[in-house]
C-alpha atoms as a PDB file:
ATOM      1  CA  MET A   1      -7.135 -33.561 -11.944  1.00  0.00           C
ATOM      2  CA  GLU A   2      -6.918 -30.908  -9.242  1.00  0.00           C
ATOM      3  CA  HIS A   3      -9.163 -27.883  -9.439  1.00  0.00           C
ATOM      4  CA  TYR A   4      -8.513 -24.606  -7.615  1.00  0.00           C
ATOM      5  CA  LEU A   5     -10.718 -21.948  -6.073  1.00  0.00           C
ATOM      6  CA  VAL A   6      -9.830 -18.628  -4.436  1.00  0.00           C
ATOM      7  CA  ILE A   7     -12.191 -17.455  -1.688  1.00  0.00           C
ATOM      8  CA  THR A   8     -12.301 -14.114   0.093  1.00  0.00           C
ATOM      9  CA  ALA A   9     -14.483 -13.839   3.201  1.00  0.00           C
ATOM     10  CA  ILE A  10     -15.104 -10.564   5.064  1.00  0.00           C
ATOM     11  CA  GLY A  11     -17.146 -10.006   8.210  1.00  0.00           C
ATOM     12  CA  THR A  12     -17.144  -8.727  11.749  1.00  0.00           C
ATOM     13  CA  ASP A  13     -14.271 -10.257  13.685  1.00  0.00           C
ATOM     14  CA  ARG A  14     -15.223 -12.706  16.422  1.00  0.00           C
ATOM     15  CA  PRO A  15     -13.732 -15.835  17.992  1.00  0.00           C
ATOM     16  CA  GLY A  16     -14.366 -19.033  16.021  1.00  0.00           C
ATOM     17  CA  ILE A  17     -15.020 -17.480  12.616  1.00  0.00           C
ATOM     18  CA  THR A  18     -11.859 -18.966  11.097  1.00  0.00           C
ATOM     19  CA  ASP A  19     -12.833 -22.383  12.440  1.00  0.00           C
ATOM     20  CA  GLU A  20     -16.302 -22.135  10.875  1.00  0.00           C
ATOM     21  CA  ILE A  21     -14.877 -21.416   7.427  1.00  0.00           C
ATOM     22  CA  THR A  22     -12.060 -23.971   7.533  1.00  0.00           C
ATOM     23  CA  ARG A  23     -14.435 -26.670   8.828  1.00  0.00           C
ATOM     24  CA  HIS A  24     -16.890 -25.962   6.001  1.00  0.00           C
ATOM     25  CA  VAL A  25     -14.090 -26.194   3.422  1.00  0.00           C
ATOM     26  CA  SER A  26     -12.728 -29.438   4.903  1.00  0.00           C
ATOM     27  CA  GLN A  27     -16.160 -31.041   5.168  1.00  0.00           C
ATOM     28  CA  SER A  28     -16.697 -30.188   1.494  1.00  0.00           C
ATOM     29  CA  GLY A  29     -13.601 -32.253   0.640  1.00  0.00           C
ATOM     30  CA  CYS A  30     -11.234 -29.413  -0.252  1.00  0.00           C
ATOM     31  CA  ASN A  31      -7.688 -28.782   0.912  1.00  0.00           C
ATOM     32  CA  ILE A  32      -6.444 -25.319   1.906  1.00  0.00           C
ATOM     33  CA  GLU A  33      -3.304 -24.767  -0.190  1.00  0.00           C
ATOM     34  CA  ASP A  34      -2.595 -21.221   0.980  1.00  0.00           C
ATOM     35  CA  SER A  35      -4.318 -18.626   3.147  1.00  0.00           C
ATOM     36  CA  ARG A  36      -3.973 -15.158   4.637  1.00  0.00           C
ATOM     37  CA  LEU A  37      -5.935 -13.630   7.474  1.00  0.00           C
ATOM     38  CA  ALA A  38      -6.004  -9.993   8.528  1.00  0.00           C
ATOM     39  CA  ILE A  39      -8.075  -7.720  10.721  1.00  0.00           C
ATOM     40  CA  PHE A  40      -8.955  -4.325   9.227  1.00  0.00           C
ATOM     41  CA  GLY A  41     -10.747  -2.069  11.701  1.00  0.00           C
ATOM     42  CA  SER A  42     -13.223  -4.460  13.305  1.00  0.00           C
ATOM     43  CA  GLU A  43     -13.526  -6.578  10.156  1.00  0.00           C
ATOM     44  CA  PHE A  44     -12.039 -10.026   9.670  1.00  0.00           C
ATOM     45  CA  THR A  45     -10.674 -10.775   6.173  1.00  0.00           C
ATOM     46  CA  PHE A  46      -9.718 -14.311   5.172  1.00  0.00           C
ATOM     47  CA  ILE A  47      -8.322 -15.265   1.765  1.00  0.00           C
ATOM     48  CA  LEU A  48      -7.910 -18.937   0.887  1.00  0.00           C
ATOM     49  CA  LEU A  49      -6.682 -20.961  -2.074  1.00  0.00           C
ATOM     50  CA  LEU A  50      -8.450 -24.319  -2.154  1.00  0.00           C
ATOM     51  CA  SER A  51      -7.688 -27.420  -4.158  1.00  0.00           C
ATOM     52  CA  GLY A  52      -9.894 -30.414  -4.720  1.00  0.00           C
ATOM     53  CA  THR A  53     -11.779 -32.516  -7.197  1.00  0.00           C
ATOM     54  CA  ALA A  54     -14.252 -30.885  -9.562  1.00  0.00           C
ATOM     55  CA  SER A  55     -17.135 -32.053  -7.358  1.00  0.00           C
ATOM     56  CA  SER A  56     -15.599 -30.855  -4.071  1.00  0.00           C
ATOM     57  CA  ILE A  57     -14.861 -27.410  -5.541  1.00  0.00           C
ATOM     58  CA  ALA A  58     -18.404 -27.246  -6.957  1.00  0.00           C
ATOM     59  CA  ARG A  59     -19.738 -28.242  -3.508  1.00  0.00           C
ATOM     60  CA  VAL A  60     -17.965 -25.270  -1.910  1.00  0.00           C
ATOM     61  CA  GLU A  61     -19.214 -22.936  -4.656  1.00  0.00           C
ATOM     62  CA  ALA A  62     -22.783 -24.137  -4.076  1.00  0.00           C
ATOM     63  CA  THR A  63     -22.828 -24.247  -0.267  1.00  0.00           C
ATOM     64  CA  LEU A  64     -20.523 -21.436   0.891  1.00  0.00           C
ATOM     65  CA  PRO A  65     -22.909 -18.571   0.022  1.00  0.00           C
ATOM     66  CA  LEU A  66     -25.574 -19.973   2.389  1.00  0.00           C
ATOM     67  CA  GLN A  67     -22.965 -20.686   5.093  1.00  0.00           C
ATOM     68  CA  ALA A  68     -21.597 -17.167   4.662  1.00  0.00           C
ATOM     69  CA  GLN A  69     -25.070 -15.686   5.011  1.00  0.00           C
ATOM     70  CA  GLN A  70     -25.578 -17.594   8.275  1.00  0.00           C
ATOM     71  CA  LEU A  71     -22.194 -16.334   9.514  1.00  0.00           C
ATOM     72  CA  ASP A  72     -22.926 -12.755   8.375  1.00  0.00           C
ATOM     73  CA  LEU A  73     -19.990 -12.792   5.926  1.00  0.00           C
ATOM     74  CA  LEU A  74     -19.482 -11.362   2.475  1.00  0.00           C
ATOM     75  CA  THR A  75     -17.740 -13.875   0.212  1.00  0.00           C
ATOM     76  CA  MET A  76     -16.289 -13.869  -3.268  1.00  0.00           C
ATOM     77  CA  MET A  77     -15.049 -16.918  -5.147  1.00  0.00           C
ATOM     78  CA  LYS A  78     -13.110 -17.369  -8.356  1.00  0.00           C
ATOM     79  CA  ARG A  79     -11.790 -20.472 -10.088  1.00  0.00           C
ATOM     80  CA  THR A  80      -8.077 -20.411 -10.821  1.00  0.00           C
ATOM     81  CA  THR A  81      -5.209 -22.704 -11.781  1.00  0.00           C
ATOM     82  CA  ARG A  82      -2.142 -23.907  -9.941  1.00  0.00           C
ATOM     83  CA  HIS A  83       0.484 -21.205  -9.555  1.00  0.00           C
ATOM     84  CA  GLU A  84       3.304 -21.633 -12.054  1.00  0.00           C
ATOM     85  CA  HIS A  85       6.625 -20.821 -10.415  1.00  0.00           C
ATOM     86  CA  ARG A  86       8.736 -18.391 -12.423  1.00  0.00           C
ATOM     87  CA  PHE A  87      12.429 -17.999 -11.861  1.00  0.00           C
ATOM     88  CA  TYR A  88      13.585 -14.513 -10.881  1.00  0.00           C
ATOM     89  CA  PRO A  89      17.347 -13.980 -10.611  1.00  0.00           C
ATOM     90  CA  TYR A  90      16.765 -11.400  -7.842  1.00  0.00           C
ATOM     91  CA  THR A  91      14.073 -10.491  -5.368  1.00  0.00           C
ATOM     92  CA  ALA A  92      13.959  -7.293  -3.331  1.00  0.00           C
ATOM     93  CA  GLU A  93      12.417  -6.361  -0.006  1.00  0.00           C
ATOM     94  CA  PHE A  94      11.534  -2.671   0.248  1.00  0.00           C
ATOM     95  CA  HIS A  95      10.885  -1.291   3.736  1.00  0.00           C
ATOM     96  CA  ILE A  96       9.505   2.241   4.089  1.00  0.00           C
ATOM     97  CA  GLU A  97       8.688   4.230   7.246  1.00  0.00           C
ATOM     98  CA  GLY A  98       7.550   7.800   7.612  1.00  0.00           C
ATOM     99  CA  ASN A  99       4.713  10.234   8.145  1.00  0.00           C
ATOM    100  CA  ASP A 100       1.568   8.844   6.542  1.00  0.00           C
ATOM    101  CA  ALA A 101       0.226  10.920   3.669  1.00  0.00           C
ATOM    102  CA  LEU A 102      -2.450  10.578   1.026  1.00  0.00           C
ATOM    103  CA  GLY A 103      -1.021   8.765  -2.021  1.00  0.00           C
ATOM    104  CA  LEU A 104       2.182   7.631  -0.327  1.00  0.00           C
ATOM    105  CA  ILE A 105       1.635   3.901  -0.928  1.00  0.00           C
ATOM    106  CA  GLU A 106       0.729   4.616  -4.562  1.00  0.00           C
ATOM    107  CA  LYS A 107       4.077   6.348  -5.075  1.00  0.00           C
ATOM    108  CA  PHE A 108       5.875   3.096  -4.249  1.00  0.00           C
ATOM    109  CA  THR A 109       3.513   0.794  -6.165  1.00  0.00           C
ATOM    110  CA  HIS A 110       3.904   3.116  -9.164  1.00  0.00           C
ATOM    111  CA  PHE A 111       7.687   3.027  -8.708  1.00  0.00           C
ATOM    112  CA  CYS A 112       7.526  -0.771  -9.053  1.00  0.00           C
ATOM    113  CA  ALA A 113       5.024  -0.786 -11.921  1.00  0.00           C
ATOM    114  CA  THR A 114       7.029   1.603 -14.080  1.00  0.00           C
ATOM    115  CA  ARG A 115      10.089  -0.645 -13.697  1.00  0.00           C
ATOM    116  CA  GLN A 116       8.226  -3.906 -14.434  1.00  0.00           C
ATOM    117  CA  ILE A 117       8.827  -5.059 -10.841  1.00  0.00           C
ATOM    118  CA  ASP A 118       6.356  -7.745  -9.752  1.00  0.00           C
ATOM    119  CA  ILE A 119       4.969  -7.126  -6.245  1.00  0.00           C
ATOM    120  CA  SER A 120       4.452 -10.517  -4.583  1.00  0.00           C
ATOM    121  CA  ALA A 121       3.376  -9.180  -1.177  1.00  0.00           C
ATOM    122  CA  LEU A 122       2.433  -5.791   0.231  1.00  0.00           C
ATOM    123  CA  SER A 123       1.885  -4.953   3.871  1.00  0.00           C
ATOM    124  CA  ALA A 124       1.014  -1.460   5.044  1.00  0.00           C
ATOM    125  CA  HIS A 125       0.172  -0.280   8.533  1.00  0.00           C
ATOM    126  CA  SER A 126      -0.674   3.219   9.682  1.00  0.00           C
ATOM    127  CA  GLN A 127      -0.082   3.894  13.370  1.00  0.00           C
ATOM    128  CA  GLU A 128      -1.933   6.704  15.100  1.00  0.00           C
ATOM    129  CA  ALA A 129       0.376   9.518  16.030  1.00  0.00           C
ATOM    130  CA  GLU A 130       1.963   9.932  19.396  1.00  0.00           C
ATOM    131  CA  ASP A 131       3.017  13.550  19.414  1.00  0.00           C
ATOM    132  CA  ASN A 132       6.799  13.625  19.761  1.00  0.00           C
ATOM    133  CA  GLU A 133       9.765  15.486  18.294  1.00  0.00           C
ATOM    134  CA  ASP A 134      10.173  13.041  15.383  1.00  0.00           C
ATOM    135  CA  ASN A 135       6.670  13.001  13.898  1.00  0.00           C
ATOM    136  CA  HIS A 136       5.034  16.233  15.156  1.00  0.00           C
ATOM    137  CA  GLY A 137       1.715  14.465  15.775  1.00  0.00           C
ATOM    138  CA  GLU A 138       1.423  12.873  12.320  1.00  0.00           C
ATOM    139  CA  ASP A 139       0.308   9.267  11.804  1.00  0.00           C
ATOM    140  CA  GLN A 140       3.184   6.927  10.944  1.00  0.00           C
ATOM    141  CA  LEU A 141       3.155   4.512   8.005  1.00  0.00           C
ATOM    142  CA  THR A 142       5.154   1.318   7.734  1.00  0.00           C
ATOM    143  CA  LEU A 143       5.145  -0.214   4.253  1.00  0.00           C
ATOM    144  CA  GLN A 144       6.773  -3.505   3.270  1.00  0.00           C
ATOM    145  CA  LEU A 145       6.947  -4.631  -0.376  1.00  0.00           C
ATOM    146  CA  SER A 146       8.242  -8.057  -1.372  1.00  0.00           C
ATOM    147  CA  THR A 147       9.096  -8.028  -5.057  1.00  0.00           C
ATOM    148  CA  ASN A 148      10.456 -10.063  -7.951  1.00  0.00           C
ATOM    149  CA  LEU A 149      12.868  -8.169 -10.168  1.00  0.00           C
ATOM    150  CA  PRO A 150      12.863  -8.517 -13.956  1.00  0.00           C
ATOM    151  CA  GLU A 151      15.862 -10.013 -15.713  1.00  0.00           C
ATOM    152  CA  GLY A 152      18.545  -7.473 -16.484  1.00  0.00           C
ATOM    153  CA  CYS A 153      17.492  -5.143 -13.665  1.00  0.00           C
ATOM    154  CA  ASN A 154      20.391  -2.900 -12.658  1.00  0.00           C
ATOM    155  CA  LEU A 155      20.431  -3.240  -8.862  1.00  0.00           C
ATOM    156  CA  MET A 156      22.631  -0.209  -8.211  1.00  0.00           C
ATOM    157  CA  SER A 157      20.429   2.052 -10.342  1.00  0.00           C
ATOM    158  CA  LEU A 158      17.295   0.640  -8.732  1.00  0.00           C
ATOM    159  CA  GLN A 159      18.663   1.315  -5.251  1.00  0.00           C
ATOM    160  CA  GLU A 160      19.626   4.887  -6.201  1.00  0.00           C
ATOM    161  CA  GLU A 161      16.190   5.547  -7.744  1.00  0.00           C
ATOM    162  CA  PHE A 162      14.488   4.113  -4.647  1.00  0.00           C
ATOM    163  CA  GLU A 163      16.612   6.287  -2.350  1.00  0.00           C
ATOM    164  CA  ASP A 164      15.781   9.344  -4.491  1.00  0.00           C
ATOM    165  CA  LEU A 165      12.055   8.577  -4.193  1.00  0.00           C
ATOM    166  CA  CYS A 166      12.345   8.143  -0.417  1.00  0.00           C
ATOM    167  CA  GLN A 167      14.121  11.488  -0.157  1.00  0.00           C
ATOM    168  CA  THR A 168      11.546  13.187  -2.391  1.00  0.00           C
ATOM    169  CA  VAL A 169       8.577  11.964  -0.311  1.00  0.00           C
ATOM    170  CA  GLN A 170      10.507  12.400   2.955  1.00  0.00           C
ATOM    171  CA  VAL A 171      10.448   8.851   4.297  1.00  0.00           C
ATOM    172  CA  ALA A 172      13.126   6.443   5.490  1.00  0.00           C
ATOM    173  CA  GLY A 173      13.567   3.439   3.233  1.00  0.00           C
ATOM    174  CA  THR A 174      15.779   0.415   2.831  1.00  0.00           C
ATOM    175  CA  VAL A 175      15.999  -2.192   0.112  1.00  0.00           C
ATOM    176  CA  THR A 176      17.499  -5.648   0.477  1.00  0.00           C
ATOM    177  CA  PHE A 177      18.335  -7.692  -2.615  1.00  0.00           C
ATOM    178  CA  THR A 178      18.512 -11.478  -2.665  1.00  0.00           C
ATOM    179  CA  GLY A 179      20.077 -13.379  -5.546  1.00  0.00           C
ATOM    180  CA  HIS A 180      18.714 -16.786  -6.576  1.00  0.00           C
ATOM    181  CA  ASN A 181      20.377 -19.750  -8.214  1.00  0.00           C
ATOM    182  CA  PRO A 182      18.387 -21.133 -11.191  1.00  0.00           C
ATOM    183  CA  LYS A 183      18.540 -24.618  -9.646  1.00  0.00           C
ATOM    184  CA  GLU A 184      16.807 -23.487  -6.410  1.00  0.00           C
ATOM    185  CA  LYS A 185      13.067 -23.965  -6.116  1.00  0.00           C
END
């Protein structure tokens, strides 16, 4: 029986840090099922989903904290189960660009939450301002939301509501819908 563990590691970015973590996981007998890596400021952030036997997962849980301490990393671990795929008749990609402002990302996450839209991925990047005619010296935000839409979602209404929100908060936004066949996996 496969067991699963989610790990988050955070520390100062430097060459070889990813190799240290992946080697430790592999030598413990676990497989990396999924992972994401990002640099925030000067910090490295690595999220991994591991699978393995009960003993290999327990080995990582027991040994990673010491390894992390030697690598000057903060780590968190949590046991989980295999992801159960759910069928969604439609997915939507929301792309937003505009002047960065306090609470702007929350406006779009709240938009999704109030419509029972499942956010499967979120990427946000704020770019320091280059003073020009378009942005008047304000930092620019690019936000990308990948979502799963609930059954019965009215796509035309959703697009209109999204466009209204973009206009209200004065950003440019696009939404792209993708339909899925129930037989696709």
